Amino acid sequence: MEEVVVSQEQLRPALFEQLARVGKAFGNGKRLELIELLAQCPRGVVELAEAAGLQVTTTPTAAAPTARSPTTRCG
């Protein structure tokens, strides 16, 4: 396997972009709540919306990457 060499100038923009994405996730109270709920256990979008008091249509599908089904339950 060939070793890939990447310069610091190439890594910095990607690092800063990822840090900005993390900052955006932590910059909203409801997003923090979704992260906390997902940290407890895998949840489907429907269950996640119900637990957070949101409508399913306003709960991003990407917020539930660990969902196994819409009826996954904690505990």
PDB file of N, CA and C in Angstrom:
ATOM      1  N   MET A   1       0.848  -1.178   0.000  1.00  0.00           N
ATOM      2  CA  MET A   1       0.000   0.000   0.000  1.00  0.00           C
ATOM      3  C   MET A   1       0.891   1.237   0.000  1.00  0.00           C
ATOM      4  N   GLU A   2       0.558   2.174  -0.848  1.00  0.00           N
ATOM      5  CA  GLU A   2       1.347   3.396  -0.995  1.00  0.00           C
ATOM      6  C   GLU A   2       0.982   4.402   0.094  1.00  0.00           C
ATOM      7  N   GLU A   3       1.993   5.017   0.699  1.00  0.00           N
ATOM      8  CA  GLU A   3       1.781   6.022   1.744  1.00  0.00           C
ATOM      9  C   GLU A   3       1.387   7.351   1.111  1.00  0.00           C
ATOM     10  N   VAL A   4       0.368   7.975   1.670  1.00  0.00           N
ATOM     11  CA  VAL A   4      -0.099   9.254   1.166  1.00  0.00           C
ATOM     12  C   VAL A   4       0.438  10.347   2.077  1.00  0.00           C
ATOM     13  N   VAL A   5       1.088  11.331   1.489  1.00  0.00           N
ATOM     14  CA  VAL A   5       1.631  12.445   2.255  1.00  0.00           C
ATOM     15  C   VAL A   5       0.746  13.663   2.019  1.00  0.00           C
ATOM     16  N   VAL A   6       0.266  14.245   3.114  1.00  0.00           N
ATOM     17  CA  VAL A   6      -0.611  15.402   3.035  1.00  0.00           C
ATOM     18  C   VAL A   6       0.038  16.533   3.812  1.00  0.00           C
ATOM     19  N   SER A   7       0.074  17.699   3.219  1.00  0.00           N
ATOM     20  CA  SER A   7       0.693  18.839   3.884  1.00  0.00           C
ATOM     21  C   SER A   7      -0.252  19.480   4.887  1.00  0.00           C
ATOM     22  N   GLN A   8       0.327  20.250   5.792  1.00  0.00           N
ATOM     23  CA  GLN A   8      -0.474  20.959   6.789  1.00  0.00           C
ATOM     24  C   GLN A   8      -1.432  21.926   6.105  1.00  0.00           C
ATOM     25  N   GLU A   9      -1.023  22.539   5.013  1.00  0.00           N
ATOM     26  CA  GLU A   9      -1.885  23.473   4.286  1.00  0.00           C
ATOM     27  C   GLU A   9      -3.118  22.781   3.734  1.00  0.00           C
ATOM     28  N   GLN A  10      -3.016  21.489   3.440  1.00  0.00           N
ATOM     29  CA  GLN A  10      -4.163  20.738   2.948  1.00  0.00           C
ATOM     30  C   GLN A  10      -5.075  20.284   4.085  1.00  0.00           C
ATOM     31  N   LEU A  11      -4.512  20.010   5.246  1.00  0.00           N
ATOM     32  CA  LEU A  11      -5.298  19.520   6.367  1.00  0.00           C
ATOM     33  C   LEU A  11      -6.054  20.622   7.102  1.00  0.00           C
ATOM     34  N   ARG A  12      -5.471  21.786   7.214  1.00  0.00           N
ATOM     35  CA  ARG A  12      -6.071  22.865   8.002  1.00  0.00           C
ATOM     36  C   ARG A  12      -7.475  23.244   7.537  1.00  0.00           C
ATOM     37  N   PRO A  13      -7.711  23.464   6.254  1.00  0.00           N
ATOM     38  CA  PRO A  13      -9.083  23.817   5.839  1.00  0.00           C
ATOM     39  C   PRO A  13     -10.098  22.724   6.186  1.00  0.00           C
ATOM     40  N   ALA A  14      -9.713  21.473   6.019  1.00  0.00           N
ATOM     41  CA  ALA A  14     -10.624  20.372   6.343  1.00  0.00           C
ATOM     42  C   ALA A  14     -10.879  20.310   7.843  1.00  0.00           C
ATOM     43  N   LEU A  15      -9.849  20.522   8.640  1.00  0.00           N
ATOM     44  CA  LEU A  15     -10.001  20.530  10.092  1.00  0.00           C
ATOM     45  C   LEU A  15     -10.933  21.654  10.532  1.00  0.00           C
ATOM     46  N   PHE A  16     -10.715  22.845   9.996  1.00  0.00           N
ATOM     47  CA  PHE A  16     -11.557  23.979  10.365  1.00  0.00           C
ATOM     48  C   PHE A  16     -13.004  23.773   9.934  1.00  0.00           C
ATOM     49  N   GLU A  17     -13.204  23.147   8.803  1.00  0.00           N
ATOM     50  CA  GLU A  17     -14.573  22.856   8.335  1.00  0.00           C
ATOM     51  C   GLU A  17     -15.270  21.900   9.290  1.00  0.00           C
ATOM     52  N   GLN A  18     -14.555  20.882   9.735  1.00  0.00           N
ATOM     53  CA  GLN A  18     -15.143  19.931  10.675  1.00  0.00           C
ATOM     54  C   GLN A  18     -15.436  20.586  12.025  1.00  0.00           C
ATOM     55  N   LEU A  19     -14.535  21.442  12.499  1.00  0.00           N
ATOM     56  CA  LEU A  19     -14.775  22.160  13.753  1.00  0.00           C
ATOM     57  C   LEU A  19     -15.995  23.071  13.648  1.00  0.00           C
ATOM     58  N   ALA A  20     -16.180  23.689  12.495  1.00  0.00           N
ATOM     59  CA  ALA A  20     -17.356  24.542  12.291  1.00  0.00           C
ATOM     60  C   ALA A  20     -18.636  23.720  12.336  1.00  0.00           C
ATOM     61  N   ARG A  21     -18.609  22.521  11.786  1.00  0.00           N
ATOM     62  CA  ARG A  21     -19.783  21.641  11.821  1.00  0.00           C
ATOM     63  C   ARG A  21     -20.121  21.254  13.256  1.00  0.00           C
ATOM     64  N   VAL A  22     -19.104  20.949  14.053  1.00  0.00           N
ATOM     65  CA  VAL A  22     -19.332  20.602  15.459  1.00  0.00           C
ATOM     66  C   VAL A  22     -19.906  21.808  16.198  1.00  0.00           C
ATOM     67  N   GLY A  23     -19.341  22.975  15.952  1.00  0.00           N
ATOM     68  CA  GLY A  23     -19.841  24.195  16.583  1.00  0.00           C
ATOM     69  C   GLY A  23     -21.293  24.463  16.236  1.00  0.00           C
ATOM     70  N   LYS A  24     -21.665  24.198  15.004  1.00  0.00           N
ATOM     71  CA  LYS A  24     -23.049  24.401  14.582  1.00  0.00           C
ATOM     72  C   LYS A  24     -23.977  23.444  15.324  1.00  0.00           C
ATOM     73  N   ALA A  25     -23.559  22.205  15.507  1.00  0.00           N
ATOM     74  CA  ALA A  25     -24.376  21.229  16.219  1.00  0.00           C
ATOM     75  C   ALA A  25     -24.588  21.648  17.667  1.00  0.00           C
ATOM     76  N   PHE A  26     -23.571  22.213  18.284  1.00  0.00           N
ATOM     77  CA  PHE A  26     -23.678  22.624  19.681  1.00  0.00           C
ATOM     78  C   PHE A  26     -24.252  24.021  19.841  1.00  0.00           C
ATOM     79  N   GLY A  27     -24.545  24.687  18.746  1.00  0.00           N
ATOM     80  CA  GLY A  27     -25.027  26.060  18.797  1.00  0.00           C
ATOM     81  C   GLY A  27     -26.535  26.204  18.884  1.00  0.00           C
ATOM     82  N   ASN A  28     -27.244  25.120  19.091  1.00  0.00           N
ATOM     83  CA  ASN A  28     -28.702  25.158  19.138  1.00  0.00           C
ATOM     84  C   ASN A  28     -29.180  24.227  20.252  1.00  0.00           C
ATOM     85  N   GLY A  29     -30.035  24.731  21.120  1.00  0.00           N
ATOM     86  CA  GLY A  29     -30.509  23.945  22.251  1.00  0.00           C
ATOM     87  C   GLY A  29     -31.200  22.656  21.861  1.00  0.00           C
ATOM     88  N   LYS A  30     -32.038  22.699  20.846  1.00  0.00           N
ATOM     89  CA  LYS A  30     -32.746  21.475  20.430  1.00  0.00           C
ATOM     90  C   LYS A  30     -31.777  20.460  19.845  1.00  0.00           C
ATOM     91  N   ARG A  31     -30.757  20.933  19.111  1.00  0.00           N
ATOM     92  CA  ARG A  31     -29.759  19.996  18.578  1.00  0.00           C
ATOM     93  C   ARG A  31     -29.006  19.323  19.720  1.00  0.00           C
ATOM     94  N   LEU A  32     -28.672  20.097  20.754  1.00  0.00           N
ATOM     95  CA  LEU A  32     -28.010  19.509  21.923  1.00  0.00           C
ATOM     96  C   LEU A  32     -28.903  18.461  22.577  1.00  0.00           C
ATOM     97  N   GLU A  33     -30.182  18.750  22.660  1.00  0.00           N
ATOM     98  CA  GLU A  33     -31.110  17.787  23.236  1.00  0.00           C
ATOM     99  C   GLU A  33     -31.158  16.508  22.402  1.00  0.00           C
ATOM    100  N   LEU A  34     -31.163  16.643  21.080  1.00  0.00           N
ATOM    101  CA  LEU A  34     -31.168  15.468  20.202  1.00  0.00           C
ATOM    102  C   LEU A  34     -29.900  14.641  20.404  1.00  0.00           C
ATOM    103  N   ILE A  35     -28.757  15.312  20.527  1.00  0.00           N
ATOM    104  CA  ILE A  35     -27.493  14.613  20.756  1.00  0.00           C
ATOM    105  C   ILE A  35     -27.549  13.856  22.082  1.00  0.00           C
ATOM    106  N   GLU A  36     -28.084  14.507  23.119  1.00  0.00           N
ATOM    107  CA  GLU A  36     -28.190  13.872  24.430  1.00  0.00           C
ATOM    108  C   GLU A  36     -29.118  12.663  24.379  1.00  0.00           C
ATOM    109  N   LEU A  37     -30.236  12.784  23.679  1.00  0.00           N
ATOM    110  CA  LEU A  37     -31.162  11.665  23.553  1.00  0.00           C
ATOM    111  C   LEU A  37     -30.542  10.500  22.789  1.00  0.00           C
ATOM    112  N   LEU A  38     -29.790  10.797  21.731  1.00  0.00           N
ATOM    113  CA  LEU A  38     -29.138   9.741  20.951  1.00  0.00           C
ATOM    114  C   LEU A  38     -28.003   9.094  21.737  1.00  0.00           C
ATOM    115  N   ALA A  39     -27.379   9.847  22.643  1.00  0.00           N
ATOM    116  CA  ALA A  39     -26.319   9.278  23.468  1.00  0.00           C
ATOM    117  C   ALA A  39     -26.870   8.245  24.447  1.00  0.00           C
ATOM    118  N   GLN A  40     -28.141   8.378  24.805  1.00  0.00           N
ATOM    119  CA  GLN A  40     -28.766   7.440  25.734  1.00  0.00           C
ATOM    120  C   GLN A  40     -28.977   6.069  25.100  1.00  0.00           C
ATOM    121  N   CYS A  41     -29.434   6.063  23.842  1.00  0.00           N
ATOM    122  CA  CYS A  41     -29.660   4.815  23.118  1.00  0.00           C
ATOM    123  C   CYS A  41     -30.064   5.145  21.677  1.00  0.00           C
ATOM    124  N   PRO A  42     -29.945   4.165  20.782  1.00  0.00           N
ATOM    125  CA  PRO A  42     -30.387   4.391  19.402  1.00  0.00           C
ATOM    126  C   PRO A  42     -31.886   4.660  19.369  1.00  0.00           C
ATOM    127  N   ARG A  43     -32.300   5.592  18.540  1.00  0.00           N
ATOM    128  CA  ARG A  43     -33.722   5.929  18.405  1.00  0.00           C
ATOM    129  C   ARG A  43     -34.033   6.190  16.944  1.00  0.00           C
ATOM    130  N   GLY A  44     -35.231   5.848  16.545  1.00  0.00           N
ATOM    131  CA  GLY A  44     -35.710   6.206  15.221  1.00  0.00           C
ATOM    132  C   GLY A  44     -36.112   7.668  15.218  1.00  0.00           C
ATOM    133  N   VAL A  45     -36.323   8.218  14.052  1.00  0.00           N
ATOM    134  CA  VAL A  45     -36.674   9.633  13.921  1.00  0.00           C
ATOM    135  C   VAL A  45     -37.988   9.939  14.640  1.00  0.00           C
ATOM    136  N   VAL A  46     -38.974   9.059  14.522  1.00  0.00           N
ATOM    137  CA  VAL A  46     -40.273   9.297  15.158  1.00  0.00           C
ATOM    138  C   VAL A  46     -40.114   9.355  16.679  1.00  0.00           C
ATOM    139  N   GLU A  47     -39.439   8.371  17.245  1.00  0.00           N
ATOM    140  CA  GLU A  47     -39.232   8.344  18.690  1.00  0.00           C
ATOM    141  C   GLU A  47     -38.390   9.532  19.144  1.00  0.00           C
ATOM    142  N   LEU A  48     -37.381   9.881  18.381  1.00  0.00           N
ATOM    143  CA  LEU A  48     -36.534  11.024  18.714  1.00  0.00           C
ATOM    144  C   LEU A  48     -37.353  12.311  18.732  1.00  0.00           C
ATOM    145  N   ALA A  49     -38.203  12.496  17.742  1.00  0.00           N
ATOM    146  CA  ALA A  49     -39.057  13.685  17.684  1.00  0.00           C
ATOM    147  C   ALA A  49     -39.995  13.739  18.883  1.00  0.00           C
ATOM    148  N   GLU A  50     -40.599  12.618  19.209  1.00  0.00           N
ATOM    149  CA  GLU A  50     -41.519  12.576  20.353  1.00  0.00           C
ATOM    150  C   GLU A  50     -40.788  12.899  21.652  1.00  0.00           C
ATOM    151  N   ALA A  51     -39.607  12.318  21.844  1.00  0.00           N
ATOM    152  CA  ALA A  51     -38.848  12.530  23.076  1.00  0.00           C
ATOM    153  C   ALA A  51     -38.396  13.980  23.223  1.00  0.00           C
ATOM    154  N   ALA A  52     -38.129  14.646  22.097  1.00  0.00           N
ATOM    155  CA  ALA A  52     -37.659  16.030  22.126  1.00  0.00           C
ATOM    156  C   ALA A  52     -38.788  17.042  22.020  1.00  0.00           C
ATOM    157  N   GLY A  53     -40.013  16.551  21.825  1.00  0.00           N
ATOM    158  CA  GLY A  53     -41.142  17.463  21.677  1.00  0.00           C
ATOM    159  C   GLY A  53     -41.129  18.219  20.362  1.00  0.00           C
ATOM    160  N   LEU A  54     -40.630  17.569  19.321  1.00  0.00           N
ATOM    161  CA  LEU A  54     -40.572  18.169  17.986  1.00  0.00           C
ATOM    162  C   LEU A  54     -41.515  17.434  17.041  1.00  0.00           C
ATOM    163  N   GLN A  55     -41.836  18.072  15.935  1.00  0.00           N
ATOM    164  CA  GLN A  55     -42.588  17.388  14.883  1.00  0.00           C
ATOM    165  C   GLN A  55     -41.605  16.538  14.092  1.00  0.00           C
ATOM    166  N   VAL A  56     -42.086  15.428  13.592  1.00  0.00           N
ATOM    167  CA  VAL A  56     -41.224  14.525  12.819  1.00  0.00           C
ATOM    168  C   VAL A  56     -40.624  15.255  11.621  1.00  0.00           C
ATOM    169  N   THR A  57     -41.392  16.123  10.999  1.00  0.00           N
ATOM    170  CA  THR A  57     -40.911  16.821   9.804  1.00  0.00           C
ATOM    171  C   THR A  57     -39.798  17.817  10.114  1.00  0.00           C
ATOM    172  N   THR A  58     -39.680  18.248  11.374  1.00  0.00           N
ATOM    173  CA  THR A  58     -38.617  19.189  11.729  1.00  0.00           C
ATOM    174  C   THR A  58     -37.438  18.504  12.402  1.00  0.00           C
ATOM    175  N   THR A  59     -37.524  17.194  12.581  1.00  0.00           N
ATOM    176  CA  THR A  59     -36.414  16.429  13.146  1.00  0.00           C
ATOM    177  C   THR A  59     -35.622  15.859  11.983  1.00  0.00           C
ATOM    178  N   PRO A  60     -34.401  16.330  11.796  1.00  0.00           N
ATOM    179  CA  PRO A  60     -33.634  15.872  10.630  1.00  0.00           C
ATOM    180  C   PRO A  60     -33.343  14.377  10.682  1.00  0.00           C
ATOM    181  N   THR A  61     -33.555  13.735   9.567  1.00  0.00           N
ATOM    182  CA  THR A  61     -33.259  12.306   9.461  1.00  0.00           C
ATOM    183  C   THR A  61     -31.798  12.037   9.792  1.00  0.00           C
ATOM    184  N   ALA A  62     -30.933  12.949   9.449  1.00  0.00           N
ATOM    185  CA  ALA A  62     -29.509  12.784   9.740  1.00  0.00           C
ATOM    186  C   ALA A  62     -29.227  12.790  11.231  1.00  0.00           C
ATOM    187  N   ALA A  63     -30.163  13.263  12.049  1.00  0.00           N
ATOM    188  CA  ALA A  63     -29.958  13.298  13.498  1.00  0.00           C
ATOM    189  C   ALA A  63     -30.085  11.918  14.120  1.00  0.00           C
ATOM    190  N   ALA A  64     -30.562  10.950  13.367  1.00  0.00           N
ATOM    191  CA  ALA A  64     -30.741   9.607  13.916  1.00  0.00           C
ATOM    192  C   ALA A  64     -29.974   8.563  13.113  1.00  0.00           C
ATOM    193  N   PRO A  65     -28.662   8.718  12.996  1.00  0.00           N
ATOM    194  CA  PRO A  65     -27.906   7.762  12.181  1.00  0.00           C
ATOM    195  C   PRO A  65     -27.845   6.372  12.787  1.00  0.00           C
ATOM    196  N   THR A  66     -28.129   6.252  14.077  1.00  0.00           N
ATOM    197  CA  THR A  66     -28.068   4.950  14.724  1.00  0.00           C
ATOM    198  C   THR A  66     -29.408   4.251  14.758  1.00  0.00           C
ATOM    199  N   ALA A  67     -30.414   4.839  14.164  1.00  0.00           N
ATOM    200  CA  ALA A  67     -31.761   4.274  14.232  1.00  0.00           C
ATOM    201  C   ALA A  67     -31.812   2.929  13.533  1.00  0.00           C
ATOM    202  N   ARG A  68     -32.421   1.964  14.207  1.00  0.00           N
ATOM    203  CA  ARG A  68     -32.596   0.645  13.605  1.00  0.00           C
ATOM    204  C   ARG A  68     -33.997   0.520  13.019  1.00  0.00           C
ATOM    205  N   SER A  69     -34.950   1.192  13.632  1.00  0.00           N
ATOM    206  CA  SER A  69     -36.326   1.200  13.134  1.00  0.00           C
ATOM    207  C   SER A  69     -37.060   2.340  13.800  1.00  0.00           C
ATOM    208  N   PRO A  70     -38.214   2.739  13.263  1.00  0.00           N
ATOM    209  CA  PRO A  70     -38.973   3.831  13.890  1.00  0.00           C
ATOM    210  C   PRO A  70     -39.491   3.489  15.290  1.00  0.00           C
ATOM    211  N   THR A  71     -39.425   2.218  15.696  1.00  0.00           N
ATOM    212  CA  THR A  71     -39.975   1.837  16.993  1.00  0.00           C
ATOM    213  C   THR A  71     -38.902   1.403  17.989  1.00  0.00           C
ATOM    214  N   THR A  72     -37.639   1.713  17.731  1.00  0.00           N
ATOM    215  CA  THR A  72     -36.578   1.360  18.662  1.00  0.00           C
ATOM    216  C   THR A  72     -36.843   2.028  20.003  1.00  0.00           C
ATOM    217  N   ARG A  73     -36.721   1.296  21.086  1.00  0.00           N
ATOM    218  CA  ARG A  73     -36.991   1.827  22.424  1.00  0.00           C
ATOM    219  C   ARG A  73     -35.738   1.712  23.292  1.00  0.00           C
ATOM    220  N   CYS A  74     -35.567   2.670  24.180  1.00  0.00           N
ATOM    221  CA  CYS A  74     -34.475   2.631  25.148  1.00  0.00           C
ATOM    222  C   CYS A  74     -34.861   1.700  26.281  1.00  0.00           C
ATOM    223  N   GLY A  75     -33.819   1.129  26.905  1.00  0.00           N
ATOM    224  CA  GLY A  75     -34.060   0.355  28.113  1.00  0.00           C
ATOM    225  C   GLY A  75     -34.333  -1.039  27.816  1.00  0.00           C
TER     226      GLY A  75
END
